[in-house]
Amino acid sequence: MPVAPVPPDNTVRWYLTYNDGFDQHVVMSRSSTTVDSNEASTLFGGFLTAIESQLALITIVELAISFEGSNVRIPQVWAGAPTYGSGAMQAIDRPGQMNFVGRDAAGHRVRVGMYGLANLYDVNWRINASENAFVGDALTALTASASFFLTVLGNVPIWKLYANIGINDHWLKIVRRG
């Protein structure tokens, strides 16, 4: 049975912009209407702290929100740490990405992805929670609130028990161009 399409502005969206020393990236979370900037900062911060061992130094640039039915991003106050991770990212890791994925009961997929990885080291490009504690810590952070890191329907997802590591084709082309 196909999953019915849902407008992308169906929920509140929080956008956290960060810089990895080379590029700016954005990680997004969907939330309920009850989440404020302090809670969004805490929940994003918990996730970033959980994966911090895998990150080169990233600097938070901006927190923004888009309300239901709107695509306008409104800047908000970031109440978390100004940086996460450590050390300068190597150019070879620039197109590297880490993704956590899940689905809700209606079949809608959710993905939380990060750039700024400290190194690309996993042989099979997937790290299970049983292989590395940071995956379990990240999954705990992703499930810390029933109001954040939601699917497009605003539902709480069931997360896969792994992190996918990969090379993003778009960023690979940018790196090749120099």
Foldseek 3Di string as FASTA:
>chain_A
DDQDDDPQLQFKKKWWWKALQPDIDIWMKGFHPPDDQVNVLVLVQQLLQLCLQFAAKMFTDFMWMAGRPGPDTHTDDRPHDGIGHHHHADLVQQQKKKWKKFAAPSGFIAITMDGRTNDDDDPVQKAFCVRDVSLVSNVCSCVVDQGMRAGSNRGRTDIDRIMGMDGDPVRVVVSVVD
